[in-house]
Amino acid sequence: MIAIIDYGIGNLKSVHNAVSFISPQTKSIVTSDPDIVAKADRVIFPGQGAMPDCILQLEKRGLKESVIEAAKQKPFLGICLGLQMLFETSEEGGVNGFGLLPGAVKRFQLNKNERIKIPHMGWNKVHLSNTHPMWNKIDSDSRFYFVHSFYAEVTNKNLEMATSSHGEKFTCAIAKDNIFAVQFHPEKSSELGLQLLKNFISWNI
């Protein structure tokens, strides 16, 4: 069973629909119940909005500790804000994340020499930095869909699975043990996004 974390913010319906489409035999539940998260075989933590609001809503629902515990031991897929929450600190509201991975979340900076829009929104190339089962049938420099103003500055480059570029190069996918997380939205990324979700369902840690 796959638990898709519901903390009141995020594009949960599209994630759930994508998982149901690619693997109708797999039970998936959108939930804010810590007990269901604890019992789940796999966890997807999608995210939109601001990190301070996410933390507030997780704590309000009693979800924070169960999500952290899931990220320590089960196949865990973080999406967008779900990636950023894994790190130690964030410039967004000056809050702390889960602290499961070393590094900080930074805001994109306007560059006088290259006009960029913030938030970074749209399709962009994802350059694979390392091999991983989650990249099965996905080629380097494939395009995925992004919507974000912040990115994770990773201090341990062994965690980096892929990079993209928006004014500057940034880490857009990370992995450690049972955790895999992406800054882009696989549920909005057409066939390759569905392939990533399919890889997660079959990923054996």
N, C-alpha and C. Protein backbone atom coordinates (compact mmCIF):
# COMPACT_ATOMS: atom_id res chain seq x y z
N MET A 1 0.84 -1.19 0.00
CA MET A 1 0.00 0.00 0.00
C MET A 1 0.88 1.25 0.00
N ILE A 2 0.48 2.22 -0.81
CA ILE A 2 1.21 3.48 -0.90
C ILE A 2 0.41 4.58 -0.22
N ALA A 3 1.03 5.26 0.73
CA ALA A 3 0.39 6.41 1.38
C ALA A 3 0.89 7.69 0.70
N ILE A 4 -0.06 8.50 0.24
CA ILE A 4 0.26 9.81 -0.34
C ILE A 4 -0.10 10.85 0.71
N ILE A 5 0.89 11.55 1.21
CA ILE A 5 0.70 12.42 2.36
C ILE A 5 -0.16 13.63 2.02
N ASP A 6 -1.22 13.82 2.81
CA ASP A 6 -2.12 14.96 2.66
C ASP A 6 -1.97 15.87 3.88
N TYR A 7 -1.36 17.03 3.68
CA TYR A 7 -1.24 18.00 4.77
C TYR A 7 -2.04 19.27 4.47
N GLY A 8 -3.00 19.13 3.54
CA GLY A 8 -3.90 20.24 3.24
C GLY A 8 -3.42 21.15 2.14
N ILE A 9 -2.20 20.93 1.64
CA ILE A 9 -1.63 21.75 0.58
C ILE A 9 -0.96 20.81 -0.42
N GLY A 10 -1.23 21.01 -1.70
CA GLY A 10 -0.53 20.18 -2.68
C GLY A 10 -1.47 19.60 -3.72
N ASN A 11 -0.88 19.21 -4.83
CA ASN A 11 -1.65 18.68 -5.95
C ASN A 11 -1.80 17.16 -5.79
N LEU A 12 -2.57 16.77 -4.81
CA LEU A 12 -2.65 15.36 -4.44
C LEU A 12 -3.44 14.53 -5.43
N LYS A 13 -4.49 15.11 -6.00
CA LYS A 13 -5.36 14.36 -6.90
C LYS A 13 -4.59 13.87 -8.12
N SER A 14 -3.75 14.73 -8.69
CA SER A 14 -3.01 14.34 -9.88
C SER A 14 -1.97 13.26 -9.56
N VAL A 15 -1.37 13.32 -8.37
CA VAL A 15 -0.42 12.28 -7.97
C VAL A 15 -1.15 10.95 -7.79
N HIS A 16 -2.27 10.99 -7.10
CA HIS A 16 -3.04 9.77 -6.87
C HIS A 16 -3.55 9.19 -8.18
N ASN A 17 -4.04 10.06 -9.07
CA ASN A 17 -4.54 9.59 -10.36
C ASN A 17 -3.42 8.95 -11.18
N ALA A 18 -2.24 9.55 -11.13
CA ALA A 18 -1.11 9.01 -11.89
C ALA A 18 -0.72 7.63 -11.38
N VAL A 19 -0.65 7.47 -10.06
CA VAL A 19 -0.30 6.17 -9.47
C VAL A 19 -1.37 5.13 -9.80
N SER A 20 -2.63 5.52 -9.72
CA SER A 20 -3.73 4.59 -10.03
C SER A 20 -3.73 4.19 -11.49
N PHE A 21 -3.33 5.11 -12.37
CA PHE A 21 -3.30 4.84 -13.80
C PHE A 21 -2.22 3.84 -14.16
N ILE A 22 -1.02 4.03 -13.61
CA ILE A 22 0.10 3.16 -14.01
C ILE A 22 0.08 1.82 -13.29
N SER A 23 -0.57 1.76 -12.12
CA SER A 23 -0.59 0.52 -11.36
C SER A 23 -1.92 0.35 -10.63
N PRO A 24 -3.00 0.06 -11.41
CA PRO A 24 -4.33 -0.03 -10.80
C PRO A 24 -4.45 -1.12 -9.73
N GLN A 25 -3.54 -2.10 -9.78
CA GLN A 25 -3.58 -3.18 -8.80
C GLN A 25 -2.94 -2.78 -7.48
N THR A 26 -2.24 -1.66 -7.46
CA THR A 26 -1.57 -1.19 -6.25
C THR A 26 -2.51 -0.28 -5.47
N LYS A 27 -2.73 -0.60 -4.22
CA LYS A 27 -3.58 0.24 -3.38
C LYS A 27 -2.84 1.51 -3.00
N SER A 28 -3.44 2.65 -3.28
CA SER A 28 -2.86 3.93 -2.89
C SER A 28 -3.91 4.76 -2.18
N ILE A 29 -3.51 5.43 -1.12
CA ILE A 29 -4.43 6.19 -0.29
C ILE A 29 -3.89 7.58 -0.04
N VAL A 30 -4.70 8.60 -0.31
CA VAL A 30 -4.36 9.96 0.10
C VAL A 30 -4.78 10.09 1.55
N THR A 31 -3.82 10.40 2.43
CA THR A 31 -4.14 10.32 3.86
C THR A 31 -3.43 11.38 4.69
N SER A 32 -4.09 11.77 5.76
CA SER A 32 -3.47 12.62 6.79
C SER A 32 -3.48 11.88 8.13
N ASP A 33 -3.64 10.56 8.07
CA ASP A 33 -3.70 9.72 9.27
C ASP A 33 -2.31 9.13 9.55
N PRO A 34 -1.68 9.51 10.66
CA PRO A 34 -0.34 8.98 10.98
C PRO A 34 -0.29 7.47 11.05
N ASP A 35 -1.38 6.84 11.50
CA ASP A 35 -1.40 5.38 11.62
C ASP A 35 -1.33 4.71 10.25
N ILE A 36 -2.01 5.29 9.26
CA ILE A 36 -1.96 4.74 7.90
C ILE A 36 -0.57 4.91 7.31
N VAL A 37 0.04 6.06 7.57
CA VAL A 37 1.41 6.30 7.10
C VAL A 37 2.36 5.27 7.71
N ALA A 38 2.16 4.96 8.98
CA ALA A 38 3.01 3.99 9.67
C ALA A 38 2.85 2.58 9.10
N LYS A 39 1.65 2.25 8.63
CA LYS A 39 1.37 0.92 8.11
C LYS A 39 1.70 0.79 6.62
N ALA A 40 1.88 1.89 5.93
CA ALA A 40 2.10 1.87 4.48
C ALA A 40 3.41 1.18 4.13
N ASP A 41 3.44 0.56 2.96
CA ASP A 41 4.66 -0.07 2.46
C ASP A 41 5.58 0.96 1.81
N ARG A 42 4.97 1.98 1.19
CA ARG A 42 5.71 3.04 0.51
C ARG A 42 5.01 4.37 0.79
N VAL A 43 5.77 5.44 0.72
CA VAL A 43 5.21 6.76 1.01
C VAL A 43 5.63 7.75 -0.08
N ILE A 44 4.66 8.52 -0.55
CA ILE A 44 4.92 9.64 -1.46
C ILE A 44 4.56 10.92 -0.73
N PHE A 45 5.52 11.85 -0.73
CA PHE A 45 5.32 13.12 -0.04
C PHE A 45 5.36 14.25 -1.08
N PRO A 46 4.21 14.54 -1.70
CA PRO A 46 4.16 15.64 -2.67
C PRO A 46 4.04 16.97 -1.94
N GLY A 47 4.47 18.04 -2.59
CA GLY A 47 4.39 19.31 -1.89
C GLY A 47 4.27 20.50 -2.81
N GLN A 48 3.47 21.45 -2.38
CA GLN A 48 3.36 22.76 -3.02
C GLN A 48 3.25 23.79 -1.91
N GLY A 49 3.48 25.05 -2.27
CA GLY A 49 3.33 26.11 -1.29
C GLY A 49 4.62 26.37 -0.53
N ALA A 50 4.48 26.99 0.63
CA ALA A 50 5.63 27.45 1.40
C ALA A 50 6.00 26.45 2.49
N MET A 51 7.30 26.33 2.77
CA MET A 51 7.75 25.40 3.79
C MET A 51 7.19 25.71 5.18
N PRO A 52 7.14 26.99 5.62
CA PRO A 52 6.56 27.25 6.94
C PRO A 52 5.11 26.75 7.07
N ASP A 53 4.33 26.92 6.00
CA ASP A 53 2.94 26.45 6.03
C ASP A 53 2.88 24.93 6.07
N CYS A 54 3.79 24.29 5.34
CA CYS A 54 3.84 22.83 5.32
C CYS A 54 4.12 22.29 6.71
N ILE A 55 5.13 22.85 7.38
CA ILE A 55 5.48 22.39 8.72
C ILE A 55 4.32 22.60 9.69
N LEU A 56 3.69 23.77 9.59
CA LEU A 56 2.55 24.07 10.46
C LEU A 56 1.44 23.05 10.28
N GLN A 57 1.12 22.72 9.04
CA GLN A 57 0.03 21.79 8.77
C GLN A 57 0.39 20.35 9.14
N LEU A 58 1.63 19.97 8.94
CA LEU A 58 2.07 18.64 9.36
C LEU A 58 1.94 18.48 10.87
N GLU A 59 2.36 19.50 11.60
CA GLU A 59 2.29 19.44 13.06
C GLU A 59 0.84 19.48 13.53
N LYS A 60 0.02 20.26 12.86
CA LYS A 60 -1.39 20.37 13.22
C LYS A 60 -2.10 19.04 13.07
N ARG A 61 -1.71 18.26 12.08
CA ARG A 61 -2.34 16.97 11.82
C ARG A 61 -1.63 15.82 12.52
N GLY A 62 -0.57 16.12 13.27
CA GLY A 62 0.19 15.07 13.93
C GLY A 62 0.94 14.18 12.97
N LEU A 63 1.30 14.74 11.79
CA LEU A 63 1.91 13.95 10.73
C LEU A 63 3.44 14.04 10.70
N LYS A 64 3.99 15.07 11.29
CA LYS A 64 5.41 15.33 11.09
C LYS A 64 6.27 14.14 11.48
N GLU A 65 6.10 13.60 12.66
CA GLU A 65 6.95 12.51 13.13
C GLU A 65 6.74 11.25 12.31
N SER A 66 5.51 10.97 11.90
CA SER A 66 5.26 9.76 11.12
C SER A 66 5.88 9.86 9.73
N VAL A 67 5.88 11.06 9.15
CA VAL A 67 6.52 11.24 7.85
C VAL A 67 8.04 11.09 7.98
N ILE A 68 8.61 11.65 9.03
CA ILE A 68 10.06 11.53 9.27
C ILE A 68 10.44 10.06 9.47
N GLU A 69 9.65 9.34 10.25
CA GLU A 69 9.94 7.92 10.48
C GLU A 69 9.84 7.12 9.19
N ALA A 70 8.84 7.45 8.36
CA ALA A 70 8.70 6.76 7.07
C ALA A 70 9.92 7.02 6.19
N ALA A 71 10.40 8.26 6.22
CA ALA A 71 11.57 8.62 5.40
C ALA A 71 12.84 7.94 5.88
N LYS A 72 12.84 7.45 7.09
CA LYS A 72 14.02 6.77 7.63
C LYS A 72 14.07 5.29 7.27
N GLN A 73 12.92 4.70 6.85
CA GLN A 73 12.92 3.26 6.72
C GLN A 73 12.16 2.68 5.53
N LYS A 74 11.27 3.44 4.88
CA LYS A 74 10.47 2.88 3.79
C LYS A 74 10.85 3.53 2.46
N PRO A 75 10.57 2.84 1.33
CA PRO A 75 10.73 3.53 0.05
C PRO A 75 9.93 4.84 0.10
N PHE A 76 10.63 5.94 -0.10
CA PHE A 76 10.05 7.27 0.14
C PHE A 76 10.35 8.16 -1.06
N LEU A 77 9.31 8.71 -1.65
CA LEU A 77 9.46 9.60 -2.79
C LEU A 77 8.99 11.00 -2.41
N GLY A 78 9.93 11.96 -2.42
CA GLY A 78 9.59 13.35 -2.17
C GLY A 78 9.46 14.09 -3.48
N ILE A 79 8.44 14.94 -3.60
CA ILE A 79 8.19 15.69 -4.82
C ILE A 79 8.15 17.18 -4.50
N CYS A 80 8.99 17.96 -5.18
CA CYS A 80 9.03 19.42 -5.07
C CYS A 80 9.31 19.85 -3.62
N LEU A 81 8.34 20.40 -2.93
CA LEU A 81 8.53 20.76 -1.53
C LEU A 81 8.86 19.52 -0.70
N GLY A 82 8.40 18.38 -1.16
CA GLY A 82 8.72 17.12 -0.49
C GLY A 82 10.19 16.78 -0.54
N LEU A 83 10.92 17.32 -1.51
CA LEU A 83 12.38 17.22 -1.53
C LEU A 83 12.99 18.22 -0.55
N GLN A 84 12.53 19.45 -0.62
CA GLN A 84 13.12 20.51 0.20
C GLN A 84 12.97 20.25 1.69
N MET A 85 11.87 19.64 2.09
CA MET A 85 11.61 19.37 3.50
C MET A 85 12.62 18.41 4.11
N LEU A 86 13.32 17.64 3.29
CA LEU A 86 14.26 16.65 3.80
C LEU A 86 15.54 17.29 4.36
N PHE A 87 15.79 18.54 3.99
CA PHE A 87 17.06 19.18 4.34
C PHE A 87 16.98 19.91 5.69
N GLU A 88 18.10 20.51 6.06
CA GLU A 88 18.23 21.04 7.42
C GLU A 88 17.53 22.38 7.61
N THR A 89 17.80 23.33 6.73
CA THR A 89 17.25 24.68 6.90
C THR A 89 16.75 25.22 5.57
N SER A 90 15.98 26.32 5.66
CA SER A 90 15.48 26.96 4.44
C SER A 90 15.48 28.47 4.60
N GLU A 91 15.78 29.16 3.51
CA GLU A 91 15.66 30.61 3.48
C GLU A 91 14.20 31.04 3.46
N GLU A 92 13.32 30.12 3.14
CA GLU A 92 11.90 30.43 3.07
C GLU A 92 11.31 30.46 4.49
N GLY A 93 11.20 31.65 5.05
CA GLY A 93 10.66 31.78 6.40
C GLY A 93 11.69 31.47 7.48
N GLY A 94 12.92 31.16 7.09
CA GLY A 94 13.96 30.87 8.08
C GLY A 94 13.63 29.68 8.96
N VAL A 95 13.00 28.66 8.38
CA VAL A 95 12.57 27.51 9.17
C VAL A 95 13.52 26.33 8.98
N ASN A 96 13.40 25.35 9.89
CA ASN A 96 14.15 24.11 9.79
C ASN A 96 13.32 23.05 9.09
N GLY A 97 13.98 22.25 8.26
CA GLY A 97 13.31 21.12 7.65
C GLY A 97 13.42 19.90 8.54
N PHE A 98 13.30 18.71 7.95
CA PHE A 98 13.37 17.48 8.73
C PHE A 98 14.79 17.17 9.19
N GLY A 99 15.78 17.73 8.53
CA GLY A 99 17.16 17.49 8.93
C GLY A 99 17.66 16.10 8.62
N LEU A 100 17.03 15.42 7.67
CA LEU A 100 17.45 14.07 7.32
C LEU A 100 18.63 14.06 6.35
N LEU A 101 18.82 15.17 5.64
CA LEU A 101 19.91 15.29 4.69
C LEU A 101 20.66 16.59 4.95
N PRO A 102 21.98 16.59 4.77
CA PRO A 102 22.74 17.83 5.00
C PRO A 102 22.54 18.81 3.85
N GLY A 103 22.38 20.08 4.19
CA GLY A 103 22.21 21.10 3.17
C GLY A 103 21.12 22.07 3.53
N ALA A 104 21.01 23.12 2.72
CA ALA A 104 20.04 24.18 2.96
C ALA A 104 19.24 24.45 1.70
N VAL A 105 18.03 24.96 1.88
CA VAL A 105 17.17 25.33 0.76
C VAL A 105 17.35 26.82 0.50
N LYS A 106 17.68 27.15 -0.76
CA LYS A 106 17.98 28.53 -1.14
C LYS A 106 16.96 29.04 -2.16
N ARG A 107 16.84 30.37 -2.22
CA ARG A 107 15.97 30.99 -3.21
C ARG A 107 16.78 31.34 -4.45
N PHE A 108 16.17 31.15 -5.62
CA PHE A 108 16.82 31.59 -6.85
C PHE A 108 17.10 33.08 -6.78
N GLN A 109 18.27 33.49 -7.28
CA GLN A 109 18.64 34.89 -7.31
C GLN A 109 18.57 35.43 -8.73
N LEU A 110 18.05 36.65 -8.86
CA LEU A 110 18.00 37.28 -10.16
C LEU A 110 19.42 37.59 -10.63
N ASN A 111 19.68 37.27 -11.87
CA ASN A 111 21.00 37.46 -12.46
C ASN A 111 20.93 38.55 -13.51
N LYS A 112 21.73 39.60 -13.36
CA LYS A 112 21.70 40.73 -14.28
C LYS A 112 22.09 40.32 -15.70
N ASN A 113 22.92 39.29 -15.81
CA ASN A 113 23.42 38.87 -17.12
C ASN A 113 22.50 37.88 -17.81
N GLU A 114 21.58 37.33 -17.07
CA GLU A 114 20.65 36.36 -17.65
C GLU A 114 19.27 36.55 -17.03
N ARG A 115 18.35 36.95 -17.83
CA ARG A 115 17.00 37.21 -17.31
C ARG A 115 16.30 35.88 -17.02
N ILE A 116 15.94 35.70 -15.79
CA ILE A 116 15.18 34.51 -15.41
C ILE A 116 13.93 34.94 -14.66
N LYS A 117 12.93 34.12 -14.75
CA LYS A 117 11.69 34.39 -14.03
C LYS A 117 11.65 33.54 -12.77
N ILE A 118 11.14 34.13 -11.72
CA ILE A 118 10.92 33.42 -10.47
C ILE A 118 9.44 33.54 -10.12
N PRO A 119 8.72 32.43 -9.97
CA PRO A 119 9.24 31.05 -9.90
C PRO A 119 9.71 30.50 -11.24
N HIS A 120 10.57 29.51 -11.14
CA HIS A 120 10.96 28.72 -12.29
C HIS A 120 9.78 27.82 -12.63
N MET A 121 9.22 28.03 -13.82
CA MET A 121 8.00 27.30 -14.17
C MET A 121 8.08 26.83 -15.61
N GLY A 122 7.85 25.54 -15.81
CA GLY A 122 7.82 24.98 -17.16
C GLY A 122 8.72 23.77 -17.30
N TRP A 123 8.87 23.33 -18.55
CA TRP A 123 9.65 22.14 -18.85
C TRP A 123 11.13 22.48 -18.92
N ASN A 124 11.96 21.60 -18.36
CA ASN A 124 13.40 21.84 -18.37
C ASN A 124 14.14 20.51 -18.41
N LYS A 125 15.36 20.56 -18.95
CA LYS A 125 16.17 19.35 -19.03
C LYS A 125 16.65 18.92 -17.64
N VAL A 126 16.68 17.62 -17.44
CA VAL A 126 17.20 17.02 -16.21
C VAL A 126 18.41 16.17 -16.59
N HIS A 127 19.58 16.60 -16.13
CA HIS A 127 20.82 15.90 -16.45
C HIS A 127 21.17 14.94 -15.32
N LEU A 128 21.24 13.66 -15.64
CA LEU A 128 21.49 12.64 -14.63
C LEU A 128 22.94 12.69 -14.16
N SER A 129 23.13 12.74 -12.84
CA SER A 129 24.47 12.80 -12.25
C SER A 129 24.99 11.44 -11.84
N ASN A 130 24.08 10.54 -11.48
CA ASN A 130 24.44 9.21 -11.01
C ASN A 130 23.40 8.20 -11.47
N THR A 131 23.81 6.96 -11.54
CA THR A 131 22.86 5.90 -11.87
C THR A 131 22.01 5.57 -10.64
N HIS A 132 20.79 5.15 -10.90
CA HIS A 132 19.88 4.77 -9.82
C HIS A 132 18.71 4.00 -10.44
N PRO A 133 18.16 3.00 -9.71
CA PRO A 133 17.02 2.26 -10.24
C PRO A 133 15.82 3.16 -10.61
N MET A 134 15.72 4.31 -9.97
CA MET A 134 14.61 5.21 -10.28
C MET A 134 14.75 5.85 -11.66
N TRP A 135 15.93 5.76 -12.26
CA TRP A 135 16.13 6.30 -13.61
C TRP A 135 15.92 5.24 -14.69
N ASN A 136 15.40 4.09 -14.34
CA ASN A 136 15.15 3.05 -15.33
C ASN A 136 14.28 3.59 -16.47
N LYS A 137 14.76 3.43 -17.70
CA LYS A 137 14.07 3.86 -18.93
C LYS A 137 13.92 5.38 -19.03
N ILE A 138 14.74 6.12 -18.28
CA ILE A 138 14.75 7.58 -18.36
C ILE A 138 16.17 8.01 -18.76
N ASP A 139 16.29 8.71 -19.86
CA ASP A 139 17.59 9.15 -20.37
C ASP A 139 17.99 10.49 -19.78
N SER A 140 19.28 10.71 -19.70
CA SER A 140 19.80 12.01 -19.26
C SER A 140 19.35 13.10 -20.24
N ASP A 141 19.07 14.26 -19.70
CA ASP A 141 18.61 15.44 -20.45
C ASP A 141 17.18 15.30 -20.96
N SER A 142 16.44 14.36 -20.40
CA SER A 142 14.99 14.32 -20.64
C SER A 142 14.36 15.53 -19.96
N ARG A 143 13.19 15.91 -20.44
CA ARG A 143 12.52 17.10 -19.90
C ARG A 143 11.42 16.73 -18.91
N PHE A 144 11.40 17.48 -17.80
CA PHE A 144 10.37 17.32 -16.78
C PHE A 144 9.81 18.70 -16.43
N TYR A 145 8.67 18.69 -15.77
CA TYR A 145 7.96 19.95 -15.49
C TYR A 145 8.27 20.46 -14.08
N PHE A 146 8.67 21.72 -13.99
CA PHE A 146 9.05 22.35 -12.72
C PHE A 146 8.10 23.50 -12.38
N VAL A 147 7.87 23.70 -11.08
CA VAL A 147 7.23 24.91 -10.55
C VAL A 147 7.83 25.15 -9.17
N HIS A 148 8.79 26.10 -9.07
CA HIS A 148 9.41 26.33 -7.76
C HIS A 148 10.22 27.62 -7.78
N SER A 149 10.38 28.20 -6.59
CA SER A 149 11.21 29.39 -6.41
C SER A 149 12.45 29.10 -5.57
N PHE A 150 12.49 27.92 -4.95
CA PHE A 150 13.58 27.53 -4.07
C PHE A 150 14.17 26.20 -4.54
N TYR A 151 15.39 25.94 -4.16
CA TYR A 151 16.06 24.68 -4.54
C TYR A 151 16.99 24.27 -3.39
N ALA A 152 17.34 23.01 -3.36
CA ALA A 152 18.21 22.50 -2.31
C ALA A 152 19.67 22.65 -2.71
N GLU A 153 20.43 23.28 -1.83
CA GLU A 153 21.88 23.37 -2.01
C GLU A 153 22.49 22.19 -1.25
N VAL A 154 22.93 21.20 -1.99
CA VAL A 154 23.37 19.93 -1.41
C VAL A 154 24.86 19.99 -1.06
N THR A 155 25.21 19.75 0.18
CA THR A 155 26.61 19.79 0.60
C THR A 155 27.33 18.48 0.33
N ASN A 156 26.60 17.38 0.32
CA ASN A 156 27.19 16.07 0.01
C ASN A 156 26.79 15.69 -1.42
N LYS A 157 27.71 15.86 -2.36
CA LYS A 157 27.40 15.63 -3.77
C LYS A 157 27.13 14.16 -4.08
N ASN A 158 27.46 13.26 -3.16
CA ASN A 158 27.11 11.85 -3.37
C ASN A 158 25.60 11.64 -3.35
N LEU A 159 24.88 12.59 -2.77
CA LEU A 159 23.42 12.51 -2.73
C LEU A 159 22.79 12.94 -4.04
N GLU A 160 23.53 13.67 -4.85
CA GLU A 160 22.97 14.29 -6.05
C GLU A 160 22.76 13.26 -7.16
N MET A 161 21.52 13.14 -7.61
CA MET A 161 21.18 12.21 -8.68
C MET A 161 20.96 12.90 -10.02
N ALA A 162 20.66 14.21 -9.99
CA ALA A 162 20.43 14.94 -11.23
C ALA A 162 20.50 16.43 -10.98
N THR A 163 20.80 17.16 -12.05
CA THR A 163 20.81 18.62 -11.99
C THR A 163 19.97 19.18 -13.11
N SER A 164 19.57 20.43 -12.93
CA SER A 164 18.93 21.20 -13.99
C SER A 164 19.50 22.59 -13.92
N SER A 165 19.00 23.49 -14.76
CA SER A 165 19.55 24.84 -14.78
C SER A 165 18.45 25.88 -14.94
N HIS A 166 18.55 26.92 -14.11
CA HIS A 166 17.65 28.08 -14.23
C HIS A 166 18.44 29.30 -13.75
N GLY A 167 19.16 29.90 -14.66
CA GLY A 167 20.07 30.96 -14.27
C GLY A 167 21.37 30.41 -13.71
N GLU A 168 21.27 29.33 -13.01
CA GLU A 168 22.42 28.62 -12.45
C GLU A 168 22.08 27.14 -12.36
N LYS A 169 23.10 26.32 -12.29
CA LYS A 169 22.86 24.88 -12.15
C LYS A 169 22.41 24.59 -10.73
N PHE A 170 21.44 23.71 -10.58
CA PHE A 170 20.96 23.35 -9.24
C PHE A 170 20.63 21.86 -9.20
N THR A 171 20.68 21.31 -8.02
CA THR A 171 20.32 19.91 -7.81
C THR A 171 18.81 19.75 -7.93
N CYS A 172 18.38 18.80 -8.74
CA CYS A 172 16.93 18.59 -8.91
C CYS A 172 16.49 17.18 -8.58
N ALA A 173 17.42 16.33 -8.17
CA ALA A 173 17.05 14.99 -7.69
C ALA A 173 18.13 14.50 -6.74
N ILE A 174 17.70 13.89 -5.66
CA ILE A 174 18.64 13.37 -4.66
C ILE A 174 18.22 11.97 -4.25
N ALA A 175 19.16 11.23 -3.70
CA ALA A 175 18.84 9.90 -3.18
C ALA A 175 19.78 9.53 -2.05
N LYS A 176 19.24 8.84 -1.08
CA LYS A 176 20.03 8.25 -0.01
C LYS A 176 19.27 7.06 0.55
N ASP A 177 19.87 5.88 0.43
CA ASP A 177 19.26 4.66 0.95
C ASP A 177 17.84 4.49 0.41
N ASN A 178 16.83 4.60 1.27
CA ASN A 178 15.44 4.38 0.87
C ASN A 178 14.75 5.64 0.36
N ILE A 179 15.46 6.76 0.34
CA ILE A 179 14.86 8.04 -0.06
C ILE A 179 15.26 8.38 -1.49
N PHE A 180 14.26 8.81 -2.27
CA PHE A 180 14.51 9.42 -3.57
C PHE A 180 13.58 10.62 -3.64
N ALA A 181 14.10 11.76 -4.09
CA ALA A 181 13.27 12.95 -4.14
C ALA A 181 13.64 13.80 -5.35
N VAL A 182 12.64 14.45 -5.92
CA VAL A 182 12.83 15.25 -7.12
C VAL A 182 12.22 16.64 -6.93
N GLN A 183 12.85 17.65 -7.53
CA GLN A 183 12.33 19.00 -7.47
C GLN A 183 11.21 19.21 -8.48
N PHE A 184 11.23 18.45 -9.56
CA PHE A 184 10.19 18.56 -10.59
C PHE A 184 8.95 17.75 -10.20
N HIS A 185 7.92 17.86 -11.02
CA HIS A 185 6.65 17.18 -10.76
C HIS A 185 6.45 16.02 -11.74
N PRO A 186 6.71 14.78 -11.34
CA PRO A 186 6.50 13.66 -12.25
C PRO A 186 5.05 13.51 -12.67
N GLU A 187 4.12 13.87 -11.78
CA GLU A 187 2.70 13.73 -12.09
C GLU A 187 2.24 14.70 -13.17
N LYS A 188 3.09 15.70 -13.48
CA LYS A 188 2.77 16.67 -14.54
C LYS A 188 3.72 16.54 -15.72
N SER A 189 4.52 15.47 -15.73
CA SER A 189 5.60 15.35 -16.71
C SER A 189 5.37 14.26 -17.75
N SER A 190 4.14 14.05 -18.11
CA SER A 190 3.78 13.16 -19.21
C SER A 190 4.35 11.74 -19.01
N GLU A 191 4.76 11.09 -20.09
CA GLU A 191 5.13 9.68 -20.04
C GLU A 191 6.35 9.41 -19.16
N LEU A 192 7.34 10.29 -19.20
CA LEU A 192 8.53 10.07 -18.39
C LEU A 192 8.25 10.24 -16.91
N GLY A 193 7.33 11.14 -16.58
CA GLY A 193 6.92 11.29 -15.19
C GLY A 193 6.21 10.04 -14.70
N LEU A 194 5.38 9.46 -15.55
CA LEU A 194 4.70 8.22 -15.20
C LEU A 194 5.71 7.08 -15.05
N GLN A 195 6.75 7.11 -15.89
CA GLN A 195 7.79 6.08 -15.78
C GLN A 195 8.51 6.18 -14.45
N LEU A 196 8.78 7.40 -13.99
CA LEU A 196 9.44 7.57 -12.69
C LEU A 196 8.57 7.01 -11.57
N LEU A 197 7.29 7.30 -11.62
CA LEU A 197 6.37 6.77 -10.60
C LEU A 197 6.29 5.25 -10.68
N LYS A 198 6.31 4.71 -11.89
CA LYS A 198 6.31 3.26 -12.06
C LYS A 198 7.59 2.66 -11.46
N ASN A 199 8.72 3.34 -11.67
CA ASN A 199 9.98 2.87 -11.09
C ASN A 199 9.92 2.86 -9.57
N PHE A 200 9.25 3.87 -9.01
CA PHE A 200 9.13 3.93 -7.55
C PHE A 200 8.31 2.77 -7.01
N ILE A 201 7.25 2.43 -7.69
CA ILE A 201 6.39 1.33 -7.25
C ILE A 201 7.14 0.00 -7.24
N SER A 202 8.07 -0.16 -8.17
CA SER A 202 8.79 -1.43 -8.27
C SER A 202 10.17 -1.39 -7.61
N TRP A 203 10.55 -0.25 -7.05
CA TRP A 203 11.88 -0.08 -6.47
C TRP A 203 12.02 -0.91 -5.19
N ASN A 204 13.03 -1.76 -5.19
CA ASN A 204 13.35 -2.56 -4.01
C ASN A 204 14.62 -2.01 -3.37
N ILE A 205 14.48 -1.49 -2.16
CA ILE A 205 15.64 -0.88 -1.50
C ILE A 205 16.53 -1.94 -0.85
